[in-house]
Amino acid sequence: MSSVNGLTVVVALNEAAKDMREHSFQVRIRALDALVRSAKQQSSGLAGFREVSHQMRRWSDDLGTQLESLQKLCGESVVRESQFRTMLRKRRLMERAAQLSPAGALEHCLAATSTRDAKLRTTRLAELHRTIVELEALTQLGLMAIVLSHTAMIEAAGAGNRERAVLSQVAREFGEHANSVLRIGKRLVPLARTAREAA
């Protein structure tokens, strides 16, 4: 049996979710700060930066929603994985008992167990597939934030000399947090795929 399974993915996801929530929070704080700074200037040249800051704040909300969806899926996966492992233990015990019993005495029980086993495997496979889809969506969110951070850098160039350095730094920080989220997502997708192949 592979060492990578649904529980491995759940543990990795829960750890990654903590990091991603922190990145989401930091992006939100910086976006709000940038909105306040650009609003104080009342410069039409900073309208683009304000819009990008709004987009980054919405991105932070979208990331939070995506993480909630993934963690709900993780909860379901833990239950399913526990059921699956319990079923495997019962099946092994029943197979041993069948070897020691008169011929055909436990055939009906083994057949029923095989049916339940197949259904549980199908459900686990579907949940791992959903996890991969959710993780790929998370990766897309990371890519979108990187594009937004580059746009923020371009828009920051329209600020006055005093604010330009501050807003450029905010844009760089947007990019750093976006890159972190993207890296985390890219690390988790292969793990989930390996677990799906082993299911």
Protein backbone atom coordinates (compact mmCIF):
# COMPACT_ATOMS: atom_id res chain seq x y z
CA MET A 1 0.00 0.00 0.00
CA SER A 2 1.36 3.46 -0.89
CA SER A 3 2.49 5.70 1.94
CA VAL A 4 0.55 8.54 0.29
CA ASN A 5 -3.20 8.29 0.95
CA GLY A 6 -6.23 10.45 1.69
CA LEU A 7 -5.05 11.09 5.27
CA THR A 8 -1.61 12.20 4.05
CA VAL A 9 -3.33 14.73 1.78
CA VAL A 10 -5.63 15.93 4.58
CA VAL A 11 -2.70 16.52 6.96
CA ALA A 12 -0.74 18.38 4.26
CA LEU A 13 -3.82 20.44 3.33
CA ASN A 14 -4.54 21.44 6.92
CA GLU A 15 -0.95 22.61 7.41
CA ALA A 16 -0.96 24.44 4.07
CA ALA A 17 -4.32 26.08 4.86
CA LYS A 18 -2.80 27.74 7.95
CA ASP A 19 -0.04 29.26 5.81
CA MET A 20 -2.44 30.32 3.06
CA ARG A 21 -4.80 31.95 5.55
CA GLU A 22 -1.89 34.01 6.84
CA HIS A 23 -0.98 35.07 3.28
CA SER A 24 -4.63 35.92 2.64
CA PHE A 25 -4.76 38.03 5.80
CA GLN A 26 -1.54 39.87 4.91
CA VAL A 27 -2.80 40.62 1.40
CA ARG A 28 -6.08 41.94 2.81
CA ILE A 29 -4.28 44.26 5.27
CA ARG A 30 -1.98 45.58 2.55
CA ALA A 31 -4.86 46.05 0.13
CA LEU A 32 -6.83 48.07 2.70
CA ASP A 33 -3.75 50.14 3.55
CA ALA A 34 -3.10 50.79 -0.14
CA LEU A 35 -6.73 51.83 -0.67
CA VAL A 36 -6.48 54.34 2.17
CA ARG A 37 -3.15 55.71 0.91
CA SER A 38 -4.30 56.06 -2.70
CA ALA A 39 -7.63 57.58 -1.63
CA LYS A 40 -5.80 60.26 0.41
CA GLN A 41 -3.99 61.43 -2.69
CA GLN A 42 -7.24 61.88 -4.66
CA SER A 43 -5.15 61.50 -7.80
CA SER A 44 -6.86 60.28 -10.96
CA GLY A 45 -3.51 58.70 -11.82
CA LEU A 46 -3.97 56.30 -8.90
CA ALA A 47 -7.45 55.13 -9.91
CA GLY A 48 -5.85 52.01 -11.42
CA PHE A 49 -3.95 51.25 -8.23
CA ARG A 50 -7.13 51.64 -6.19
CA GLU A 51 -8.91 49.21 -8.52
CA VAL A 52 -6.07 46.66 -8.24
CA SER A 53 -6.18 47.02 -4.45
CA HIS A 54 -9.93 46.30 -4.54
CA GLN A 55 -9.21 43.26 -6.70
CA MET A 56 -6.55 42.02 -4.27
CA ARG A 57 -8.95 42.42 -1.37
CA ARG A 58 -11.56 40.40 -3.27
CA TRP A 59 -8.85 37.84 -4.07
CA SER A 60 -8.21 37.50 -0.35
CA ASP A 61 -11.93 36.81 0.19
CA ASP A 62 -11.97 34.28 -2.69
CA LEU A 63 -8.94 32.51 -1.23
CA GLY A 64 -10.70 32.30 2.15
CA THR A 65 -13.80 30.80 0.49
CA GLN A 66 -11.66 28.29 -1.44
CA LEU A 67 -9.86 27.26 1.76
CA GLU A 68 -13.18 26.76 3.59
CA SER A 69 -14.38 24.53 0.77
CA LEU A 70 -11.14 22.51 0.88
CA GLN A 71 -11.27 22.12 4.65
CA LYS A 72 -14.87 20.92 4.49
CA LEU A 73 -13.76 18.37 1.92
CA CYS A 74 -10.88 17.40 4.24
CA GLY A 75 -13.36 16.72 7.05
CA GLU A 76 -15.38 14.45 4.76
CA SER A 77 -12.17 12.71 3.62
CA VAL A 78 -11.11 11.96 7.19
CA VAL A 79 -14.45 10.26 7.87
CA ARG A 80 -14.28 8.33 4.59
CA GLU A 81 -10.66 7.28 5.13
CA SER A 82 -11.48 6.07 8.63
CA GLN A 83 -14.42 4.06 7.29
CA PHE A 84 -12.25 2.61 4.54
CA ARG A 85 -9.47 1.53 6.91
CA THR A 86 -12.00 -0.02 9.31
CA MET A 87 -13.54 -1.89 6.39
CA LEU A 88 -10.10 -3.17 5.28
CA ARG A 89 -9.38 -4.52 8.76
CA LYS A 90 -12.78 -6.24 8.92
CA ARG A 91 -12.27 -7.72 5.46
CA ARG A 92 -8.86 -9.14 6.38
CA LEU A 93 -10.32 -10.71 9.53
CA MET A 94 -13.24 -12.15 7.56
CA GLU A 95 -10.91 -13.60 4.92
CA ARG A 96 -8.87 -15.31 7.65
CA ALA A 97 -12.07 -16.63 9.24
CA ALA A 98 -13.25 -17.89 5.83
CA GLN A 99 -10.03 -19.88 5.43
CA LEU A 100 -10.71 -21.64 8.76
CA SER A 101 -14.46 -22.15 8.18
CA PRO A 102 -16.22 -24.92 6.25
CA ALA A 103 -16.31 -24.27 2.51
CA GLY A 104 -18.82 -21.56 1.55
CA ALA A 105 -19.84 -20.72 5.13
CA LEU A 106 -18.76 -17.07 4.86
CA GLU A 107 -19.10 -16.59 1.11
CA HIS A 108 -22.22 -14.42 1.45
CA CYS A 109 -20.52 -12.14 4.03
CA LEU A 110 -17.41 -11.79 1.87
CA ALA A 111 -19.53 -10.90 -1.18
CA ALA A 112 -21.41 -8.22 0.81
CA THR A 113 -18.11 -6.84 2.08
CA SER A 114 -16.76 -6.71 -1.48
CA THR A 115 -19.79 -4.66 -2.59
CA ARG A 116 -19.35 -2.19 0.28
CA ASP A 117 -15.61 -2.08 -0.41
CA ALA A 118 -16.20 -1.16 -4.07
CA LYS A 119 -18.66 1.61 -3.14
CA LEU A 120 -16.30 3.06 -0.54
CA ARG A 121 -13.37 2.97 -2.97
CA THR A 122 -15.47 4.81 -5.58
CA THR A 123 -16.47 7.47 -3.04
CA ARG A 124 -12.87 7.92 -1.88
CA LEU A 125 -11.72 8.25 -5.48
CA ALA A 126 -14.39 10.88 -6.17
CA GLU A 127 -13.37 12.85 -3.07
CA LEU A 128 -9.70 12.79 -4.07
CA HIS A 129 -10.69 13.94 -7.56
CA ARG A 130 -12.69 16.83 -6.04
CA THR A 131 -9.67 17.71 -3.90
CA ILE A 132 -7.49 17.90 -7.00
CA VAL A 133 -10.04 20.13 -8.76
CA GLU A 134 -10.19 22.44 -5.70
CA LEU A 135 -6.38 22.57 -5.50
CA GLU A 136 -6.11 23.41 -9.18
CA ALA A 137 -8.61 26.24 -8.62
CA LEU A 138 -6.40 27.41 -5.74
CA THR A 139 -3.39 27.40 -8.06
CA GLN A 140 -5.36 29.50 -10.55
CA LEU A 141 -6.10 31.97 -7.75
CA GLY A 142 -2.37 32.21 -7.06
CA LEU A 143 -1.67 32.92 -10.74
CA MET A 144 -4.39 35.57 -10.83
CA ALA A 145 -2.88 37.30 -7.78
CA ILE A 146 0.56 37.33 -9.42
CA VAL A 147 -0.93 39.08 -12.46
CA LEU A 148 -2.66 41.57 -10.16
CA SER A 149 0.57 42.23 -8.26
CA HIS A 150 2.36 43.04 -11.56
CA THR A 151 -0.50 45.34 -12.49
CA ALA A 152 -0.22 47.01 -9.07
CA MET A 153 3.49 47.61 -9.70
CA ILE A 154 2.72 49.28 -13.02
CA GLU A 155 -0.06 51.39 -11.48
CA ALA A 156 2.19 52.42 -8.55
CA ALA A 157 4.46 54.11 -11.06
CA GLY A 158 1.71 56.73 -11.51
CA ALA A 159 1.98 57.86 -7.87
CA GLY A 160 3.85 60.94 -6.71
CA ASN A 161 7.48 60.57 -5.66
CA ARG A 162 6.63 60.24 -1.97
CA GLU A 163 3.98 57.55 -2.38
CA ARG A 164 5.54 55.68 -5.28
CA ALA A 165 8.06 53.80 -3.11
CA VAL A 166 5.40 52.83 -0.56
CA LEU A 167 2.88 51.61 -3.16
CA SER A 168 5.61 49.78 -5.11
CA GLN A 169 6.54 47.99 -1.89
CA VAL A 170 2.88 47.05 -1.37
CA ALA A 171 2.77 45.70 -4.95
CA ARG A 172 5.93 43.64 -4.30
CA GLU A 173 4.40 42.23 -1.12
CA PHE A 174 1.22 41.34 -3.03
CA GLY A 175 3.47 39.39 -5.39
CA GLU A 176 5.38 37.63 -2.60
CA HIS A 177 2.18 36.42 -0.93
CA ALA A 178 0.66 35.40 -4.29
CA ASN A 179 3.81 33.42 -5.13
CA SER A 180 3.67 31.67 -1.76
CA VAL A 181 0.05 30.62 -2.32
CA LEU A 182 0.92 29.40 -5.83
CA ARG A 183 3.90 27.37 -4.54
CA ILE A 184 1.80 25.75 -1.83
CA GLY A 185 -0.92 24.82 -4.33
CA LYS A 186 1.61 23.41 -6.80
CA ARG A 187 3.15 21.29 -4.04
CA LEU A 188 -0.21 19.82 -2.98
CA VAL A 189 -1.63 18.91 -6.41
CA PRO A 190 0.92 16.11 -7.12
CA LEU A 191 0.42 14.75 -3.59
CA ALA A 192 -3.35 14.52 -4.14
CA ARG A 193 -2.81 12.91 -7.56
CA THR A 194 -0.50 10.28 -6.06
CA ALA A 195 -3.12 9.53 -3.38
CA ARG A 196 -5.82 9.20 -6.07
CA GLU A 197 -3.67 6.78 -8.07
CA ALA A 198 -3.09 4.69 -4.93
CA ALA A 199 -6.79 4.68 -3.93
